[in-house]
Amino acid sequence: MPLIDDIYVPAVKWRQGEYQALLRLTDSAKGGIFPLITIPDVEYDFDDGTPKHTVHEHVEKFPTRYKQKWKTRPAWIDVDVKLHSGAMMNGASVYEFVFDELRKFHAEAVPVAAIDYAPATINVLTTIAVSDKLGVCVRVRLEHLMLPDFPLRLAALLKRLKMDKEEVDLIIDLGTPAYEPYKIFSDALRLAIGKIPVSMHFAPLCCLERRFRSR
């Protein structure tokens, strides 16, 4: 999905403080944000004030809260790997349930893939991306980017996703970097980025593990 200039990409773990921060932004600020939302593993729900015990309990309110907090605005949607093999009460995967529900109110939600995701997960993401025609996001962790054969692995992933380079948003996830000496790190990073096909849509290079808070 084409990105606007000066876009801000917060990493949102979809916990109460984070989606409330999205909600409270002005409309003008929301227009300059394209969040990377990750549905976390099963955990305590501070909105309900209760712990969740099953995948279904944990995920079922995500689409409703997305609509309440972010409406139809665009976002990249990732899912914690611990939920990839989980299923809802009707047998649907987490991805299938979430995107089926988001589709009902025409949310501009783009699925997120990574080169180390299991083939079964990639198959589900391919079905979603082909159906919605909003493209796909590839989230690249630093250790993957630095692999000597990363361009080949990326090309193989796009082939499995049935996506052309022009349909791909690329996010480089630096984790929580503390790299010294910085110049050596930045030179190596620049060299690795230079091997990526230039026709892809780049999200701003940022440290995606910084927690998002309202300002």
N, C-alpha and C. Protein backbone atom coordinates (compact mmCIF):
# COMPACT_ATOMS: atom_id res chain seq x y z
N MET A 1 0.85 -1.19 0.00
CA MET A 1 0.00 0.00 0.00
C MET A 1 0.89 1.24 0.00
N PRO A 2 0.71 2.17 -0.95
CA PRO A 2 1.57 3.36 -1.00
C PRO A 2 1.53 4.14 0.31
N LEU A 3 2.70 4.61 0.75
CA LEU A 3 2.81 5.31 2.01
C LEU A 3 2.93 6.81 1.78
N ILE A 4 2.32 7.59 2.65
CA ILE A 4 2.41 9.04 2.54
C ILE A 4 3.75 9.52 3.07
N ASP A 5 4.12 10.75 2.74
CA ASP A 5 5.36 11.33 3.25
C ASP A 5 5.25 11.57 4.76
N ASP A 6 6.38 11.47 5.45
CA ASP A 6 6.45 11.78 6.89
C ASP A 6 5.51 10.91 7.73
N ILE A 7 5.30 9.69 7.31
CA ILE A 7 4.42 8.80 8.06
C ILE A 7 5.14 8.32 9.33
N TYR A 8 4.35 8.13 10.38
CA TYR A 8 4.87 7.61 11.65
C TYR A 8 4.36 6.19 11.82
N VAL A 9 5.26 5.27 12.15
CA VAL A 9 4.89 3.86 12.26
C VAL A 9 5.11 3.39 13.69
N PRO A 10 4.09 3.50 14.54
CA PRO A 10 4.24 2.98 15.91
C PRO A 10 4.02 1.47 15.94
N ALA A 11 4.78 0.79 16.78
CA ALA A 11 4.56 -0.64 17.02
C ALA A 11 3.58 -0.77 18.17
N VAL A 12 2.39 -1.26 17.88
CA VAL A 12 1.31 -1.32 18.86
C VAL A 12 1.04 -2.77 19.22
N LYS A 13 1.25 -3.11 20.48
CA LYS A 13 1.04 -4.50 20.93
C LYS A 13 -0.42 -4.77 21.30
N TRP A 14 -1.29 -3.81 21.01
CA TRP A 14 -2.74 -3.93 21.21
C TRP A 14 -3.12 -4.26 22.64
N ARG A 15 -2.53 -3.49 23.55
CA ARG A 15 -2.95 -3.54 24.94
C ARG A 15 -3.71 -2.26 25.25
N GLN A 16 -4.43 -2.24 26.34
CA GLN A 16 -5.39 -1.17 26.60
C GLN A 16 -4.77 0.23 26.47
N GLY A 17 -3.64 0.45 27.10
CA GLY A 17 -3.02 1.77 27.05
C GLY A 17 -2.65 2.19 25.64
N GLU A 18 -2.33 1.22 24.79
CA GLU A 18 -1.88 1.52 23.44
C GLU A 18 -3.05 1.82 22.51
N TYR A 19 -4.12 1.00 22.56
CA TYR A 19 -5.22 1.34 21.66
C TYR A 19 -6.02 2.54 22.16
N GLN A 20 -5.97 2.82 23.46
CA GLN A 20 -6.58 4.05 23.95
C GLN A 20 -5.77 5.27 23.48
N ALA A 21 -4.45 5.11 23.39
CA ALA A 21 -3.62 6.19 22.88
C ALA A 21 -3.95 6.48 21.42
N LEU A 22 -4.17 5.45 20.62
CA LEU A 22 -4.59 5.66 19.23
C LEU A 22 -5.92 6.42 19.17
N LEU A 23 -6.86 5.98 20.00
CA LEU A 23 -8.19 6.58 20.01
C LEU A 23 -8.13 8.07 20.32
N ARG A 24 -7.27 8.47 21.24
CA ARG A 24 -7.26 9.84 21.74
C ARG A 24 -6.50 10.82 20.84
N LEU A 25 -5.84 10.32 19.82
CA LEU A 25 -5.15 11.22 18.90
C LEU A 25 -6.15 12.07 18.13
N THR A 26 -5.72 13.24 17.71
CA THR A 26 -6.58 14.07 16.86
C THR A 26 -6.70 13.42 15.49
N ASP A 27 -7.74 13.79 14.76
CA ASP A 27 -7.92 13.24 13.42
C ASP A 27 -6.73 13.56 12.53
N SER A 28 -6.17 14.76 12.71
CA SER A 28 -5.01 15.15 11.92
C SER A 28 -3.82 14.25 12.21
N ALA A 29 -3.59 13.95 13.48
CA ALA A 29 -2.48 13.06 13.85
C ALA A 29 -2.72 11.65 13.34
N LYS A 30 -3.96 11.19 13.43
CA LYS A 30 -4.27 9.85 12.95
C LYS A 30 -4.00 9.71 11.46
N GLY A 31 -4.17 10.81 10.72
CA GLY A 31 -3.94 10.77 9.28
C GLY A 31 -2.48 10.58 8.92
N GLY A 32 -1.57 10.84 9.84
CA GLY A 32 -0.15 10.66 9.59
C GLY A 32 0.43 9.42 10.21
N ILE A 33 -0.44 8.50 10.64
CA ILE A 33 0.01 7.29 11.33
C ILE A 33 -0.43 6.04 10.57
N PHE A 34 0.49 5.09 10.46
CA PHE A 34 0.17 3.77 9.90
C PHE A 34 0.72 2.76 10.89
N PRO A 35 -0.08 2.31 11.86
CA PRO A 35 0.46 1.46 12.93
C PRO A 35 0.73 0.02 12.49
N LEU A 36 1.73 -0.55 13.09
CA LEU A 36 1.98 -1.98 12.99
C LEU A 36 1.41 -2.59 14.25
N ILE A 37 0.26 -3.24 14.13
CA ILE A 37 -0.45 -3.80 15.27
C ILE A 37 -0.15 -5.30 15.38
N THR A 38 0.33 -5.71 16.53
CA THR A 38 0.59 -7.13 16.77
C THR A 38 -0.36 -7.63 17.85
N ILE A 39 -1.16 -8.63 17.50
CA ILE A 39 -2.03 -9.26 18.49
C ILE A 39 -1.14 -10.15 19.37
N PRO A 40 -1.05 -9.84 20.68
CA PRO A 40 -0.12 -10.59 21.54
C PRO A 40 -0.67 -11.96 21.90
N ASP A 41 0.16 -12.73 22.57
CA ASP A 41 -0.26 -14.04 23.05
C ASP A 41 -1.34 -13.86 24.12
N VAL A 42 -2.03 -14.93 24.46
CA VAL A 42 -3.11 -14.91 25.44
C VAL A 42 -2.60 -14.31 26.76
N GLU A 43 -3.35 -13.33 27.28
CA GLU A 43 -2.92 -12.64 28.48
C GLU A 43 -4.12 -12.00 29.19
N TYR A 44 -3.83 -11.26 30.24
CA TYR A 44 -4.87 -10.57 31.01
C TYR A 44 -5.47 -9.45 30.18
N ASP A 45 -6.78 -9.29 30.26
CA ASP A 45 -7.49 -8.25 29.53
C ASP A 45 -7.86 -7.13 30.51
N PHE A 46 -7.13 -6.02 30.43
CA PHE A 46 -7.38 -4.92 31.36
C PHE A 46 -8.68 -4.19 31.06
N ASP A 47 -9.16 -4.28 29.82
CA ASP A 47 -10.44 -3.66 29.49
C ASP A 47 -11.59 -4.39 30.19
N ASP A 48 -11.54 -5.71 30.16
CA ASP A 48 -12.57 -6.52 30.82
C ASP A 48 -12.27 -6.72 32.30
N GLY A 49 -11.00 -6.57 32.67
CA GLY A 49 -10.60 -6.84 34.05
C GLY A 49 -10.57 -8.32 34.37
N THR A 50 -10.32 -9.15 33.34
CA THR A 50 -10.29 -10.60 33.56
C THR A 50 -9.15 -11.22 32.76
N PRO A 51 -8.57 -12.31 33.30
CA PRO A 51 -7.57 -13.04 32.51
C PRO A 51 -8.26 -13.86 31.43
N LYS A 52 -7.64 -13.98 30.27
CA LYS A 52 -8.17 -14.82 29.20
C LYS A 52 -7.42 -16.16 29.23
N HIS A 53 -8.17 -17.22 28.96
CA HIS A 53 -7.59 -18.56 29.09
C HIS A 53 -7.49 -19.30 27.76
N THR A 54 -8.26 -18.89 26.77
CA THR A 54 -8.24 -19.57 25.47
C THR A 54 -7.95 -18.57 24.36
N VAL A 55 -7.54 -19.09 23.23
CA VAL A 55 -7.30 -18.24 22.06
C VAL A 55 -8.57 -17.50 21.67
N HIS A 56 -9.69 -18.21 21.69
CA HIS A 56 -10.96 -17.58 21.31
C HIS A 56 -11.31 -16.41 22.23
N GLU A 57 -11.22 -16.63 23.53
CA GLU A 57 -11.52 -15.56 24.48
C GLU A 57 -10.61 -14.35 24.26
N HIS A 58 -9.37 -14.62 23.96
CA HIS A 58 -8.37 -13.57 23.82
C HIS A 58 -8.56 -12.74 22.55
N VAL A 59 -8.96 -13.40 21.46
CA VAL A 59 -8.97 -12.75 20.14
C VAL A 59 -10.35 -12.23 19.74
N GLU A 60 -11.42 -12.76 20.30
CA GLU A 60 -12.75 -12.50 19.77
C GLU A 60 -13.13 -11.01 19.76
N LYS A 61 -12.61 -10.22 20.68
CA LYS A 61 -12.99 -8.80 20.75
C LYS A 61 -12.06 -7.89 19.94
N PHE A 62 -11.02 -8.46 19.34
CA PHE A 62 -10.09 -7.62 18.60
C PHE A 62 -10.77 -6.84 17.47
N PRO A 63 -11.56 -7.47 16.60
CA PRO A 63 -12.17 -6.70 15.51
C PRO A 63 -13.08 -5.58 16.00
N THR A 64 -13.87 -5.84 17.04
CA THR A 64 -14.77 -4.82 17.58
C THR A 64 -13.98 -3.65 18.14
N ARG A 65 -12.93 -3.94 18.88
CA ARG A 65 -12.12 -2.87 19.46
C ARG A 65 -11.37 -2.11 18.37
N TYR A 66 -10.93 -2.81 17.34
CA TYR A 66 -10.27 -2.12 16.22
C TYR A 66 -11.23 -1.10 15.62
N LYS A 67 -12.47 -1.50 15.40
CA LYS A 67 -13.46 -0.60 14.82
C LYS A 67 -13.71 0.59 15.73
N GLN A 68 -13.79 0.34 17.03
CA GLN A 68 -14.04 1.41 18.00
C GLN A 68 -12.86 2.39 18.09
N LYS A 69 -11.65 1.86 18.07
CA LYS A 69 -10.46 2.68 18.33
C LYS A 69 -9.82 3.26 17.06
N TRP A 70 -9.92 2.55 15.94
CA TRP A 70 -9.19 2.94 14.74
C TRP A 70 -10.08 3.03 13.51
N LYS A 71 -11.33 2.60 13.64
CA LYS A 71 -12.33 2.63 12.56
C LYS A 71 -11.80 1.89 11.33
N THR A 72 -11.92 2.48 10.14
CA THR A 72 -11.48 1.78 8.93
C THR A 72 -10.08 2.20 8.50
N ARG A 73 -9.40 2.97 9.33
CA ARG A 73 -8.08 3.48 8.95
C ARG A 73 -7.10 2.33 8.70
N PRO A 74 -6.08 2.58 7.86
CA PRO A 74 -5.15 1.50 7.53
C PRO A 74 -4.23 1.12 8.68
N ALA A 75 -3.87 -0.14 8.69
CA ALA A 75 -2.91 -0.66 9.67
C ALA A 75 -2.35 -1.97 9.13
N TRP A 76 -1.14 -2.29 9.54
CA TRP A 76 -0.60 -3.62 9.30
C TRP A 76 -0.95 -4.48 10.50
N ILE A 77 -1.42 -5.70 10.25
CA ILE A 77 -1.84 -6.59 11.34
C ILE A 77 -0.94 -7.81 11.39
N ASP A 78 -0.22 -7.94 12.49
CA ASP A 78 0.62 -9.11 12.74
C ASP A 78 0.03 -9.89 13.91
N VAL A 79 0.45 -11.13 14.06
CA VAL A 79 -0.05 -12.00 15.12
C VAL A 79 1.14 -12.67 15.79
N ASP A 80 1.18 -12.64 17.11
CA ASP A 80 2.25 -13.32 17.84
C ASP A 80 2.37 -14.77 17.36
N VAL A 81 3.59 -15.24 17.16
CA VAL A 81 3.79 -16.58 16.62
C VAL A 81 3.17 -17.66 17.49
N LYS A 82 3.00 -17.40 18.79
CA LYS A 82 2.39 -18.40 19.66
C LYS A 82 0.91 -18.62 19.34
N LEU A 83 0.32 -17.69 18.60
CA LEU A 83 -1.08 -17.82 18.22
C LEU A 83 -1.27 -18.41 16.82
N HIS A 84 -0.17 -18.60 16.09
CA HIS A 84 -0.29 -19.06 14.71
C HIS A 84 -0.99 -20.41 14.58
N SER A 85 -0.76 -21.28 15.52
CA SER A 85 -1.38 -22.60 15.46
C SER A 85 -2.68 -22.68 16.24
N GLY A 86 -3.09 -21.56 16.84
CA GLY A 86 -4.33 -21.54 17.62
C GLY A 86 -5.55 -21.46 16.73
N ALA A 87 -6.70 -21.75 17.31
CA ALA A 87 -7.95 -21.74 16.54
C ALA A 87 -9.08 -21.16 17.37
N MET A 88 -10.04 -20.57 16.66
CA MET A 88 -11.24 -20.05 17.30
C MET A 88 -12.23 -21.19 17.53
N MET A 89 -13.34 -20.89 18.19
CA MET A 89 -14.31 -21.95 18.51
C MET A 89 -14.89 -22.61 17.27
N ASN A 90 -14.97 -21.85 16.16
CA ASN A 90 -15.52 -22.43 14.93
C ASN A 90 -14.47 -23.13 14.09
N GLY A 91 -13.25 -23.22 14.60
CA GLY A 91 -12.18 -23.90 13.89
C GLY A 91 -11.33 -23.01 13.01
N ALA A 92 -11.73 -21.75 12.82
CA ALA A 92 -10.96 -20.83 12.00
C ALA A 92 -9.66 -20.46 12.69
N SER A 93 -8.63 -20.18 11.91
CA SER A 93 -7.39 -19.70 12.49
C SER A 93 -7.58 -18.27 12.98
N VAL A 94 -6.65 -17.80 13.78
CA VAL A 94 -6.72 -16.42 14.26
C VAL A 94 -6.74 -15.45 13.09
N TYR A 95 -5.87 -15.66 12.12
CA TYR A 95 -5.83 -14.79 10.95
C TYR A 95 -7.17 -14.78 10.21
N GLU A 96 -7.72 -15.95 9.97
CA GLU A 96 -8.98 -16.04 9.23
C GLU A 96 -10.09 -15.30 9.95
N PHE A 97 -10.20 -15.52 11.26
CA PHE A 97 -11.25 -14.86 12.03
C PHE A 97 -11.08 -13.35 11.99
N VAL A 98 -9.88 -12.88 12.29
CA VAL A 98 -9.63 -11.44 12.38
C VAL A 98 -9.93 -10.75 11.06
N PHE A 99 -9.41 -11.26 9.96
CA PHE A 99 -9.60 -10.58 8.68
C PHE A 99 -11.02 -10.76 8.13
N ASP A 100 -11.67 -11.86 8.45
CA ASP A 100 -13.09 -12.00 8.07
C ASP A 100 -13.92 -10.92 8.75
N GLU A 101 -13.64 -10.67 10.02
CA GLU A 101 -14.41 -9.67 10.77
C GLU A 101 -14.05 -8.25 10.33
N LEU A 102 -12.78 -7.96 10.12
CA LEU A 102 -12.37 -6.62 9.68
C LEU A 102 -12.93 -6.31 8.29
N ARG A 103 -13.04 -7.32 7.48
CA ARG A 103 -13.57 -7.14 6.12
C ARG A 103 -15.02 -6.69 6.14
N LYS A 104 -15.76 -7.05 7.18
CA LYS A 104 -17.19 -6.73 7.25
C LYS A 104 -17.43 -5.22 7.32
N PHE A 105 -16.48 -4.46 7.88
CA PHE A 105 -16.68 -3.01 7.92
C PHE A 105 -15.62 -2.27 7.08
N HIS A 106 -15.01 -3.02 6.15
CA HIS A 106 -14.11 -2.44 5.14
C HIS A 106 -12.88 -1.76 5.73
N ALA A 107 -12.33 -2.35 6.78
CA ALA A 107 -11.09 -1.83 7.34
C ALA A 107 -9.95 -2.06 6.36
N GLU A 108 -9.06 -1.08 6.26
CA GLU A 108 -7.89 -1.21 5.38
C GLU A 108 -6.77 -1.91 6.15
N ALA A 109 -6.98 -3.17 6.42
CA ALA A 109 -6.04 -3.96 7.21
C ALA A 109 -5.18 -4.82 6.29
N VAL A 110 -3.87 -4.71 6.45
CA VAL A 110 -2.92 -5.42 5.61
C VAL A 110 -2.22 -6.50 6.44
N PRO A 111 -2.23 -7.76 6.01
CA PRO A 111 -1.59 -8.82 6.78
C PRO A 111 -0.07 -8.71 6.73
N VAL A 112 0.56 -9.20 7.79
CA VAL A 112 2.02 -9.16 7.92
C VAL A 112 2.59 -10.56 7.85
N ALA A 113 3.65 -10.72 7.07
CA ALA A 113 4.34 -12.00 6.93
C ALA A 113 5.81 -11.82 7.28
N ALA A 114 6.50 -12.94 7.47
CA ALA A 114 7.95 -12.92 7.72
C ALA A 114 8.55 -14.16 7.10
N ILE A 115 9.84 -14.12 6.80
CA ILE A 115 10.44 -15.22 6.06
C ILE A 115 10.53 -16.50 6.89
N ASP A 116 10.40 -16.41 8.21
CA ASP A 116 10.47 -17.62 9.03
C ASP A 116 9.10 -18.12 9.47
N TYR A 117 8.02 -17.56 8.92
CA TYR A 117 6.70 -18.07 9.26
C TYR A 117 6.48 -19.43 8.60
N ALA A 118 5.74 -20.30 9.29
CA ALA A 118 5.51 -21.65 8.80
C ALA A 118 4.71 -21.63 7.49
N PRO A 119 4.92 -22.64 6.63
CA PRO A 119 4.19 -22.69 5.37
C PRO A 119 2.67 -22.60 5.53
N ALA A 120 2.14 -23.24 6.57
CA ALA A 120 0.69 -23.20 6.78
C ALA A 120 0.22 -21.77 7.03
N THR A 121 0.99 -21.00 7.79
CA THR A 121 0.64 -19.61 8.06
C THR A 121 0.74 -18.77 6.79
N ILE A 122 1.78 -18.99 6.00
CA ILE A 122 1.93 -18.26 4.74
C ILE A 122 0.77 -18.56 3.81
N ASN A 123 0.30 -19.78 3.79
CA ASN A 123 -0.84 -20.14 2.94
C ASN A 123 -2.09 -19.33 3.33
N VAL A 124 -2.33 -19.20 4.62
CA VAL A 124 -3.48 -18.43 5.10
C VAL A 124 -3.32 -16.96 4.72
N LEU A 125 -2.12 -16.42 4.92
CA LEU A 125 -1.87 -15.02 4.59
C LEU A 125 -2.01 -14.76 3.09
N THR A 126 -1.62 -15.73 2.29
CA THR A 126 -1.77 -15.59 0.84
C THR A 126 -3.23 -15.48 0.46
N THR A 127 -4.06 -16.33 1.04
CA THR A 127 -5.49 -16.29 0.75
C THR A 127 -6.08 -14.94 1.12
N ILE A 128 -5.70 -14.41 2.27
CA ILE A 128 -6.20 -13.11 2.73
C ILE A 128 -5.75 -12.00 1.78
N ALA A 129 -4.46 -11.97 1.46
CA ALA A 129 -3.92 -10.90 0.62
C ALA A 129 -4.51 -10.93 -0.78
N VAL A 130 -4.66 -12.11 -1.35
CA VAL A 130 -5.23 -12.22 -2.69
C VAL A 130 -6.69 -11.80 -2.69
N SER A 131 -7.42 -12.15 -1.62
CA SER A 131 -8.84 -11.80 -1.53
C SER A 131 -9.06 -10.31 -1.34
N ASP A 132 -8.28 -9.69 -0.43
CA ASP A 132 -8.51 -8.28 -0.08
C ASP A 132 -7.88 -7.30 -1.05
N LYS A 133 -6.86 -7.75 -1.76
CA LYS A 133 -6.19 -6.90 -2.77
C LYS A 133 -5.64 -5.59 -2.18
N LEU A 134 -5.16 -5.66 -0.94
CA LEU A 134 -4.52 -4.51 -0.30
C LEU A 134 -3.02 -4.72 -0.15
N GLY A 135 -2.53 -5.79 -0.76
CA GLY A 135 -1.11 -6.09 -0.65
C GLY A 135 -0.78 -6.84 0.62
N VAL A 136 0.50 -6.88 0.93
CA VAL A 136 0.98 -7.58 2.12
C VAL A 136 2.18 -6.82 2.67
N CYS A 137 2.40 -6.95 3.96
CA CYS A 137 3.57 -6.36 4.59
C CYS A 137 4.54 -7.48 4.96
N VAL A 138 5.81 -7.25 4.69
CA VAL A 138 6.84 -8.19 5.11
C VAL A 138 7.66 -7.53 6.22
N ARG A 139 7.65 -8.14 7.37
CA ARG A 139 8.38 -7.63 8.54
C ARG A 139 9.71 -8.36 8.60
N VAL A 140 10.78 -7.61 8.46
CA VAL A 140 12.12 -8.18 8.37
C VAL A 140 12.89 -7.88 9.64
N ARG A 141 13.23 -8.90 10.39
CA ARG A 141 14.07 -8.71 11.56
C ARG A 141 15.52 -8.56 11.12
N LEU A 142 16.31 -7.90 11.95
CA LEU A 142 17.68 -7.57 11.60
C LEU A 142 18.49 -8.81 11.26
N GLU A 143 18.30 -9.88 12.01
CA GLU A 143 19.10 -11.09 11.75
C GLU A 143 18.77 -11.70 10.40
N HIS A 144 17.55 -11.48 9.90
CA HIS A 144 17.20 -11.97 8.57
C HIS A 144 17.79 -11.07 7.49
N LEU A 145 17.72 -9.76 7.72
CA LEU A 145 18.23 -8.81 6.75
C LEU A 145 19.71 -9.02 6.48
N MET A 146 20.46 -9.41 7.51
CA MET A 146 21.91 -9.54 7.38
C MET A 146 22.34 -10.88 6.79
N LEU A 147 21.42 -11.79 6.53
CA LEU A 147 21.79 -13.05 5.90
C LEU A 147 22.28 -12.80 4.48
N PRO A 148 23.35 -13.47 4.05
CA PRO A 148 23.88 -13.22 2.70
C PRO A 148 22.89 -13.56 1.59
N ASP A 149 21.98 -14.50 1.85
CA ASP A 149 21.00 -14.88 0.83
C ASP A 149 19.63 -14.27 1.09
N PHE A 150 19.59 -13.17 1.88
CA PHE A 150 18.29 -12.57 2.19
C PHE A 150 17.49 -12.20 0.95
N PRO A 151 18.06 -11.56 -0.08
CA PRO A 151 17.26 -11.23 -1.27
C PRO A 151 16.58 -12.45 -1.89
N LEU A 152 17.28 -13.59 -1.89
CA LEU A 152 16.69 -14.81 -2.44
C LEU A 152 15.56 -15.32 -1.55
N ARG A 153 15.75 -15.25 -0.24
CA ARG A 153 14.69 -15.67 0.69
C ARG A 153 13.47 -14.77 0.57
N LEU A 154 13.71 -13.49 0.40
CA LEU A 154 12.61 -12.55 0.24
C LEU A 154 11.85 -12.83 -1.05
N ALA A 155 12.58 -13.06 -2.13
CA ALA A 155 11.94 -13.38 -3.41
C ALA A 155 11.10 -14.65 -3.31
N ALA A 156 11.61 -15.65 -2.60
CA ALA A 156 10.88 -16.90 -2.42
C ALA A 156 9.60 -16.68 -1.62
N LEU A 157 9.68 -15.83 -0.60
CA LEU A 157 8.49 -15.52 0.20
C LEU A 157 7.43 -14.82 -0.65
N LEU A 158 7.83 -13.85 -1.45
CA LEU A 158 6.87 -13.13 -2.28
C LEU A 158 6.22 -14.08 -3.30
N LYS A 159 6.99 -15.03 -3.79
CA LYS A 159 6.42 -16.00 -4.72
C LYS A 159 5.36 -16.84 -4.03
N ARG A 160 5.63 -17.26 -2.79
CA ARG A 160 4.66 -18.05 -2.03
C ARG A 160 3.42 -17.23 -1.72
N LEU A 161 3.61 -15.91 -1.49
CA LEU A 161 2.49 -15.02 -1.19
C LEU A 161 1.72 -14.58 -2.44
N LYS A 162 2.27 -14.91 -3.61
CA LYS A 162 1.67 -14.53 -4.89
C LYS A 162 1.56 -13.01 -5.03
N MET A 163 2.62 -12.34 -4.57
CA MET A 163 2.65 -10.88 -4.59
C MET A 163 3.82 -10.39 -5.43
N ASP A 164 3.59 -9.35 -6.23
CA ASP A 164 4.67 -8.66 -6.92
C ASP A 164 5.32 -7.67 -5.95
N LYS A 165 6.53 -7.25 -6.26
CA LYS A 165 7.25 -6.32 -5.38
C LYS A 165 6.45 -5.05 -5.13
N GLU A 166 5.73 -4.59 -6.15
CA GLU A 166 4.97 -3.34 -6.03
C GLU A 166 3.81 -3.45 -5.05
N GLU A 167 3.44 -4.67 -4.68
CA GLU A 167 2.32 -4.90 -3.77
C GLU A 167 2.78 -5.11 -2.33
N VAL A 168 4.06 -4.92 -2.08
CA VAL A 168 4.64 -5.26 -0.78
C VAL A 168 5.10 -4.02 -0.03
N ASP A 169 4.70 -3.93 1.24
CA ASP A 169 5.24 -2.96 2.18
C ASP A 169 6.32 -3.67 2.98
N LEU A 170 7.45 -3.03 3.15
CA LEU A 170 8.57 -3.65 3.84
C LEU A 170 8.90 -2.88 5.10
N ILE A 171 8.87 -3.57 6.24
CA ILE A 171 9.26 -2.97 7.52
C ILE A 171 10.52 -3.67 8.01
N ILE A 172 11.53 -2.89 8.34
CA ILE A 172 12.75 -3.43 8.90
C ILE A 172 12.70 -3.23 10.42
N ASP A 173 12.63 -4.33 11.13
CA ASP A 173 12.47 -4.33 12.58
C ASP A 173 13.84 -4.45 13.23
N LEU A 174 14.31 -3.35 13.83
CA LEU A 174 15.61 -3.35 14.47
C LEU A 174 15.57 -3.88 15.90
N GLY A 175 14.39 -4.25 16.38
CA GLY A 175 14.31 -4.72 17.75
C GLY A 175 14.67 -3.62 18.72
N THR A 176 15.56 -3.90 19.66
CA THR A 176 16.02 -2.89 20.62
C THR A 176 17.53 -2.76 20.45
N PRO A 177 17.96 -1.99 19.44
CA PRO A 177 19.39 -1.99 19.10
C PRO A 177 20.25 -1.23 20.10
N ALA A 178 21.43 -1.78 20.34
CA ALA A 178 22.45 -1.09 21.14
C ALA A 178 23.78 -1.44 20.49
N TYR A 179 23.92 -1.02 19.23
CA TYR A 179 25.03 -1.47 18.42
C TYR A 179 26.20 -0.50 18.49
N GLU A 180 27.36 -1.02 18.87
CA GLU A 180 28.58 -0.24 18.95
C GLU A 180 29.72 -1.04 18.28
N PRO A 181 30.59 -0.39 17.52
CA PRO A 181 30.51 1.02 17.12
C PRO A 181 29.41 1.24 16.09
N TYR A 182 28.69 2.33 16.25
CA TYR A 182 27.51 2.57 15.44
C TYR A 182 27.82 2.69 13.96
N LYS A 183 28.94 3.32 13.60
CA LYS A 183 29.23 3.53 12.18
C LYS A 183 29.40 2.21 11.45
N ILE A 184 30.07 1.24 12.07
CA ILE A 184 30.22 -0.07 11.43
C ILE A 184 28.86 -0.71 11.23
N PHE A 185 28.01 -0.63 12.27
CA PHE A 185 26.65 -1.18 12.15
C PHE A 185 25.86 -0.50 11.05
N SER A 186 25.89 0.84 11.01
CA SER A 186 25.09 1.57 10.03
C SER A 186 25.58 1.32 8.61
N ASP A 187 26.89 1.17 8.44
CA ASP A 187 27.42 0.87 7.10
C ASP A 187 26.95 -0.50 6.63
N ALA A 188 26.97 -1.49 7.53
CA ALA A 188 26.52 -2.83 7.18
C ALA A 188 25.03 -2.84 6.89
N LEU A 189 24.27 -2.07 7.68
CA LEU A 189 22.83 -2.00 7.47
C LEU A 189 22.51 -1.36 6.13
N ARG A 190 23.20 -0.28 5.81
CA ARG A 190 22.98 0.40 4.54
C ARG A 190 23.29 -0.52 3.35
N LEU A 191 24.35 -1.29 3.48
CA LEU A 191 24.72 -2.23 2.41
C LEU A 191 23.64 -3.30 2.23
N ALA A 192 23.12 -3.82 3.36
CA ALA A 192 22.08 -4.85 3.28
C ALA A 192 20.80 -4.29 2.68
N ILE A 193 20.42 -3.08 3.06
CA ILE A 193 19.22 -2.46 2.52
C ILE A 193 19.35 -2.22 1.02
N GLY A 194 20.58 -1.90 0.59
CA GLY A 194 20.81 -1.65 -0.82
C GLY A 194 20.55 -2.84 -1.72
N LYS A 195 20.48 -4.03 -1.14
CA LYS A 195 20.22 -5.24 -1.93
C LYS A 195 18.74 -5.54 -2.08
N ILE A 196 17.89 -4.75 -1.43
CA ILE A 196 16.45 -4.98 -1.48
C ILE A 196 15.88 -4.31 -2.73
N PRO A 197 14.95 -4.98 -3.45
CA PRO A 197 14.35 -4.37 -4.64
C PRO A 197 13.77 -2.99 -4.35
N VAL A 198 14.13 -2.01 -5.15
CA VAL A 198 13.76 -0.62 -4.86
C VAL A 198 12.29 -0.34 -5.09
N SER A 199 11.57 -1.20 -5.77
CA SER A 199 10.15 -0.94 -6.07
C SER A 199 9.24 -1.22 -4.89
N MET A 200 9.78 -1.75 -3.80
CA MET A 200 8.95 -2.00 -2.62
C MET A 200 8.65 -0.70 -1.90
N HIS A 201 7.52 -0.70 -1.17
CA HIS A 201 7.16 0.45 -0.35
C HIS A 201 7.83 0.28 1.01
N PHE A 202 8.66 1.23 1.39
CA PHE A 202 9.38 1.15 2.66
C PHE A 202 8.66 1.93 3.74
N ALA A 203 8.47 1.30 4.88
CA ALA A 203 8.10 2.05 6.07
C ALA A 203 9.38 2.68 6.60
N PRO A 204 9.28 3.78 7.32
CA PRO A 204 10.48 4.41 7.86
C PRO A 204 11.28 3.43 8.70
N LEU A 205 12.56 3.49 8.57
CA LEU A 205 13.44 2.63 9.34
C LEU A 205 13.38 3.06 10.80
N CYS A 206 12.95 2.17 11.66
CA CYS A 206 12.77 2.57 13.05
C CYS A 206 12.92 1.38 13.97
N CYS A 207 13.06 1.67 15.24
CA CYS A 207 13.13 0.63 16.26
C CYS A 207 11.72 0.29 16.67
N LEU A 208 11.22 -0.85 16.22
CA LEU A 208 9.81 -1.15 16.40
C LEU A 208 9.46 -1.70 17.78
N GLU A 209 10.45 -1.88 18.64
CA GLU A 209 10.14 -2.37 19.97
C GLU A 209 9.89 -1.23 20.95
N ARG A 210 10.03 0.00 20.52
CA ARG A 210 9.67 1.12 21.40
C ARG A 210 8.17 1.15 21.58
N ARG A 211 7.72 1.25 22.78
CA ARG A 211 6.30 1.20 23.06
C ARG A 211 5.63 2.50 22.67
N PHE A 212 4.43 2.39 22.11
CA PHE A 212 3.69 3.56 21.64
C PHE A 212 2.88 4.14 22.79
N ARG A 213 2.95 5.45 22.94
CA ARG A 213 2.15 6.14 23.94
C ARG A 213 1.57 7.40 23.31
N SER A 214 0.45 7.84 23.81
CA SER A 214 -0.15 9.09 23.30
C SER A 214 0.76 10.26 23.67
N ARG A 215 0.70 11.31 22.82
CA ARG A 215 1.54 12.48 23.08
C ARG A 215 0.68 13.70 23.25
